[in-house]
């Protein structure tokens, strides 16, 4: 094999990888835009535990949210399939503290943060 042929092959493989990565990134961005968020009405929510789930191609989250006296008292993450977004799990502390899912995402784990927020929203607001 000639050097020119090898370089052409390497360039073609590199181009294919770039196209695949860009496609996956665009798909994830679209899925994040389409996550569902529901209005929370904690004043009319009975004490108890509520389960929620949200997912994209690369991140899946299942949560149990405990409500006591019309406040979020605890959020347990039952499942969090993620790439590098493990640190997003810290977002639940802020949700409990602020009594809402609508909090700032964890830097460096934005996708997982958004999916966790959607799962909590689904638990408390989905009818």
Protein backbone atom coordinates (compact mmCIF):
# COMPACT_ATOMS: atom_id res chain seq x y z
CA UNK A 1 0.00 0.00 0.00
CA UNK A 2 1.21 3.44 -0.82
CA UNK A 3 1.51 6.22 1.72
CA UNK A 4 -1.00 8.31 -0.25
CA UNK A 5 -3.59 5.52 -0.03
CA UNK A 6 -3.05 5.13 3.74
CA UNK A 7 -3.40 8.89 4.31
CA UNK A 8 -6.59 8.94 2.24
CA UNK A 9 -8.00 6.06 4.29
CA UNK A 10 -7.11 7.73 7.60
CA UNK A 11 -8.67 11.02 6.42
CA UNK A 12 -11.86 9.22 5.35
CA UNK A 13 -12.16 7.42 8.68
CA UNK A 14 -11.55 10.69 10.52
CA UNK A 15 -14.23 12.45 8.46
CA UNK A 16 -16.73 9.66 9.20
CA UNK A 17 -15.99 9.92 12.93
CA UNK A 18 -16.51 13.69 12.88
CA UNK A 19 -19.84 13.29 11.08
CA UNK A 20 -21.01 10.64 13.56
CA UNK A 21 -20.01 12.77 16.57
CA UNK A 22 -21.72 15.87 15.17
CA UNK A 23 -24.85 13.85 14.45
CA UNK A 24 -24.91 12.42 17.98
CA UNK A 25 -24.40 15.89 19.45
CA UNK A 26 -27.25 17.34 17.40
CA UNK A 27 -29.52 14.46 18.42
CA UNK A 28 -28.74 14.99 22.11
CA UNK A 29 -29.32 18.74 21.83
CA UNK A 30 -32.70 18.13 20.18
CA UNK A 31 -33.71 15.59 22.83
CA UNK A 32 -32.77 18.01 25.63
CA UNK A 33 -34.91 20.73 24.01
CA UNK A 34 -37.85 18.32 23.94
CA UNK A 35 -37.71 17.20 27.58
CA UNK A 36 -41.01 17.76 29.34
CA UNK A 37 -41.31 20.04 32.33
CA UNK A 38 -44.57 20.34 34.24
CA UNK A 39 -45.95 23.07 36.47
CA UNK A 40 -45.62 22.06 40.11
CA UNK A 41 -48.47 22.81 42.47
CA UNK A 42 -47.08 21.72 45.82
CA UNK A 43 -49.96 23.44 47.64
CA UNK A 44 -52.33 20.83 46.22
CA UNK A 45 -49.97 17.87 46.41
CA UNK A 46 -50.55 15.39 49.20
CA UNK A 47 -47.73 14.21 51.43
CA UNK A 48 -46.13 11.08 50.04
CA UNK A 49 -43.62 9.83 47.52
CA UNK A 50 -43.82 10.33 43.79
CA UNK A 51 -41.86 8.60 41.05
CA UNK A 52 -40.60 10.26 37.91
CA UNK A 53 -38.55 9.32 34.90
CA UNK A 54 -36.91 11.14 32.01
CA UNK A 55 -34.54 9.97 29.33
CA UNK A 56 -32.59 10.84 26.25
CA UNK A 57 -30.47 8.56 24.12
CA UNK A 58 -27.47 9.01 26.40
CA UNK A 59 -28.97 9.79 29.83
CA UNK A 60 -31.73 7.99 31.75
CA UNK A 61 -32.95 9.08 35.18
CA UNK A 62 -35.48 7.63 37.61
CA UNK A 63 -36.26 9.46 40.85
CA UNK A 64 -38.45 9.22 43.91
CA UNK A 65 -39.48 12.56 45.37
CA UNK A 66 -40.79 12.79 48.93
CA UNK A 67 -43.21 15.60 49.76
CA UNK A 68 -44.04 16.63 53.32
CA UNK A 69 -46.09 19.67 54.36
CA UNK A 70 -46.21 20.86 50.73
CA UNK A 71 -42.42 20.91 50.48
CA UNK A 72 -39.92 18.68 48.73
CA UNK A 73 -38.31 16.89 51.66
CA UNK A 74 -36.10 14.44 49.79
CA UNK A 75 -35.13 13.33 46.30
CA UNK A 76 -33.62 9.90 45.73
CA UNK A 77 -32.07 9.06 42.39
CA UNK A 78 -32.89 5.41 41.75
CA UNK A 79 -31.22 5.24 38.36
CA UNK A 80 -28.86 7.56 36.54
CA UNK A 81 -27.32 6.15 33.39
CA UNK A 82 -24.91 8.79 32.21
CA UNK A 83 -21.62 9.40 30.54
CA UNK A 84 -19.64 11.97 32.45
CA UNK A 85 -22.63 13.48 34.25
CA UNK A 86 -22.39 11.74 37.63
CA UNK A 87 -21.71 15.02 39.43
CA UNK A 88 -25.13 16.28 38.25
CA UNK A 89 -26.66 14.19 41.02
CA UNK A 90 -25.70 16.98 43.43
CA UNK A 91 -28.44 19.11 41.85
CA UNK A 92 -31.09 17.42 44.01
CA UNK A 93 -29.70 19.12 47.12
CA UNK A 94 -30.44 22.51 45.58
CA UNK A 95 -33.90 21.36 44.49
CA UNK A 96 -34.79 20.34 48.04
CA UNK A 97 -33.34 23.56 49.46
CA UNK A 98 -35.24 25.76 46.98
CA UNK A 99 -38.37 23.57 46.89
CA UNK A 100 -38.41 23.40 43.08
CA UNK A 101 -36.90 21.48 40.19
CA UNK A 102 -36.16 24.78 38.44
CA UNK A 103 -32.58 25.32 39.60
CA UNK A 104 -29.29 25.99 37.83
CA UNK A 105 -27.61 23.06 36.11
CA UNK A 106 -24.37 21.65 37.47
CA UNK A 107 -21.44 22.96 35.45
CA UNK A 108 -19.82 20.23 33.39
CA UNK A 109 -22.89 18.00 33.70
CA UNK A 110 -25.52 20.09 31.98
CA UNK A 111 -27.22 17.27 30.06
CA UNK A 112 -27.59 15.03 33.10
CA UNK A 113 -28.75 18.03 35.15
CA UNK A 114 -31.52 18.75 32.66
CA UNK A 115 -32.68 15.13 32.58
CA UNK A 116 -32.72 14.96 36.40
CA UNK A 117 -34.75 18.20 36.51
CA UNK A 118 -37.22 16.75 34.01
CA UNK A 119 -37.57 13.52 36.00
CA UNK A 120 -38.34 15.48 39.19
CA UNK A 121 -40.80 17.63 37.26
CA UNK A 122 -42.47 14.48 35.90
CA UNK A 123 -42.75 13.07 39.41
CA UNK A 124 -44.44 16.15 40.84
CA UNK A 125 -46.34 17.63 37.95
CA UNK A 126 -47.35 14.94 35.48
CA UNK A 127 -51.01 14.13 35.63
